């Protein structure tokens, strides 16, 4: 589920570069997605 959300956010972020879709909001979302990804990888290795 988390990976699906991250992939969707990355695709929307790339579309933002092509068509200026979403403005600054999409950049904030990709930063949040990367933080969640890093947290997931770190917490997954501990468990």
N, C-alpha and C. Protein backbone atom coordinates (compact mmCIF):
# COMPACT_ATOMS: atom_id res chain seq x y z
N UNK A 1 0.83 -1.19 0.00
CA UNK A 1 0.00 0.00 0.00
C UNK A 1 0.87 1.26 0.00
N UNK A 2 1.87 1.28 0.87
CA UNK A 2 2.76 2.44 0.95
C UNK A 2 3.52 2.64 -0.36
N UNK A 3 3.98 1.54 -0.95
CA UNK A 3 4.72 1.64 -2.21
C UNK A 3 3.84 2.19 -3.32
N UNK A 4 2.56 1.82 -3.34
CA UNK A 4 1.64 2.33 -4.35
C UNK A 4 1.48 3.84 -4.22
N UNK A 5 1.32 4.31 -3.00
CA UNK A 5 1.19 5.75 -2.77
C UNK A 5 2.45 6.48 -3.20
N UNK A 6 3.61 5.92 -2.87
CA UNK A 6 4.87 6.55 -3.26
C UNK A 6 5.03 6.62 -4.77
N UNK A 7 4.65 5.56 -5.45
CA UNK A 7 4.76 5.54 -6.91
C UNK A 7 3.83 6.58 -7.53
N UNK A 8 2.61 6.68 -7.01
CA UNK A 8 1.66 7.68 -7.51
C UNK A 8 2.21 9.09 -7.30
N UNK A 9 2.78 9.35 -6.12
CA UNK A 9 3.33 10.67 -5.85
C UNK A 9 4.51 11.00 -6.76
N UNK A 10 5.35 10.01 -7.03
CA UNK A 10 6.49 10.25 -7.93
C UNK A 10 6.00 10.55 -9.34
N UNK A 11 4.99 9.82 -9.80
CA UNK A 11 4.44 10.07 -11.14
C UNK A 11 3.84 11.47 -11.21
N UNK A 12 3.07 11.85 -10.19
CA UNK A 12 2.50 13.20 -10.18
C UNK A 12 3.58 14.27 -10.14
N UNK A 13 4.66 13.98 -9.40
CA UNK A 13 5.77 14.93 -9.32
C UNK A 13 6.42 15.10 -10.69
N UNK A 14 6.63 14.00 -11.40
CA UNK A 14 7.22 14.09 -12.74
C UNK A 14 6.29 14.82 -13.70
N UNK A 15 4.98 14.59 -13.57
CA UNK A 15 4.03 15.32 -14.40
C UNK A 15 4.06 16.81 -14.08
N UNK A 16 4.36 17.15 -12.85
CA UNK A 16 4.48 18.55 -12.45
C UNK A 16 5.60 19.26 -13.19
N UNK A 17 6.69 18.54 -13.46
CA UNK A 17 7.78 19.14 -14.23
C UNK A 17 7.39 19.34 -15.68
N UNK A 18 6.58 18.41 -16.21
CA UNK A 18 6.22 18.48 -17.63
C UNK A 18 5.14 19.54 -17.86
N UNK A 19 4.08 19.50 -17.05
CA UNK A 19 2.94 20.37 -17.33
C UNK A 19 2.64 21.39 -16.25
N UNK A 20 3.55 21.58 -15.30
CA UNK A 20 3.34 22.52 -14.19
C UNK A 20 2.05 22.19 -13.45
N UNK A 21 1.84 20.91 -13.21
CA UNK A 21 0.63 20.42 -12.55
C UNK A 21 0.80 20.48 -11.04
N UNK A 22 -0.07 21.17 -10.36
CA UNK A 22 -0.07 21.16 -8.90
C UNK A 22 0.77 22.23 -8.23
N UNK A 23 1.62 22.90 -8.94
CA UNK A 23 2.42 23.96 -8.35
C UNK A 23 3.37 23.45 -7.27
N UNK A 24 3.50 24.21 -6.19
CA UNK A 24 4.44 23.86 -5.13
C UNK A 24 3.94 22.71 -4.28
N UNK A 25 2.64 22.46 -4.29
CA UNK A 25 2.08 21.39 -3.47
C UNK A 25 2.68 20.04 -3.83
N UNK A 26 2.89 19.80 -5.10
CA UNK A 26 3.41 18.50 -5.52
C UNK A 26 4.84 18.31 -5.03
N UNK A 27 5.61 19.39 -4.91
CA UNK A 27 6.97 19.27 -4.40
C UNK A 27 6.97 18.95 -2.91
N UNK A 28 6.02 19.52 -2.20
CA UNK A 28 5.87 19.21 -0.78
C UNK A 28 5.48 17.74 -0.62
N UNK A 29 4.59 17.25 -1.46
CA UNK A 29 4.16 15.86 -1.38
C UNK A 29 5.32 14.89 -1.66
N UNK A 30 6.17 15.23 -2.61
CA UNK A 30 7.28 14.32 -2.92
C UNK A 30 8.29 14.31 -1.78
N UNK A 31 8.48 15.43 -1.10
CA UNK A 31 9.37 15.46 0.06
C UNK A 31 8.79 14.59 1.16
N UNK A 32 7.48 14.69 1.38
CA UNK A 32 6.83 13.85 2.40
C UNK A 32 6.96 12.38 2.02
N UNK A 33 6.79 12.06 0.74
CA UNK A 33 6.90 10.68 0.28
C UNK A 33 8.31 10.13 0.51
N UNK A 34 9.32 10.94 0.25
CA UNK A 34 10.69 10.49 0.46
C UNK A 34 10.97 10.28 1.94
N UNK A 35 10.45 11.16 2.80
CA UNK A 35 10.64 10.99 4.24
C UNK A 35 9.97 9.70 4.71
N UNK A 36 8.76 9.43 4.23
CA UNK A 36 8.06 8.20 4.60
C UNK A 36 8.83 6.98 4.09
N UNK A 37 9.36 7.07 2.88
CA UNK A 37 10.14 5.96 2.32
C UNK A 37 11.37 5.68 3.18
N UNK A 38 12.10 6.71 3.55
CA UNK A 38 13.31 6.53 4.37
C UNK A 38 12.94 5.95 5.73
N UNK A 39 11.88 6.46 6.33
CA UNK A 39 11.43 5.94 7.62
C UNK A 39 11.05 4.48 7.51
N UNK A 40 10.36 4.12 6.43
CA UNK A 40 9.94 2.73 6.23
C UNK A 40 11.15 1.81 6.07
N UNK A 41 12.14 2.24 5.34
CA UNK A 41 13.32 1.42 5.14
C UNK A 41 14.12 1.25 6.43
N UNK A 42 14.24 2.33 7.20
CA UNK A 42 14.99 2.27 8.46
C UNK A 42 14.25 1.42 9.48
N UNK A 43 12.96 1.62 9.63
CA UNK A 43 12.20 0.85 10.63
C UNK A 43 12.06 -0.61 10.20
N UNK A 44 12.07 -0.88 8.92
CA UNK A 44 11.99 -2.25 8.42
C UNK A 44 13.25 -3.04 8.73
N UNK A 45 14.38 -2.40 8.71
CA UNK A 45 15.64 -3.08 8.99
C UNK A 45 15.79 -3.37 10.48
N UNK A 46 15.23 -2.50 11.33
CA UNK A 46 15.32 -2.74 12.77
C UNK A 46 14.45 -3.92 13.20
N UNK A 47 13.30 -4.06 12.52
CA UNK A 47 12.37 -5.12 12.91
C UNK A 47 12.75 -6.34 12.24
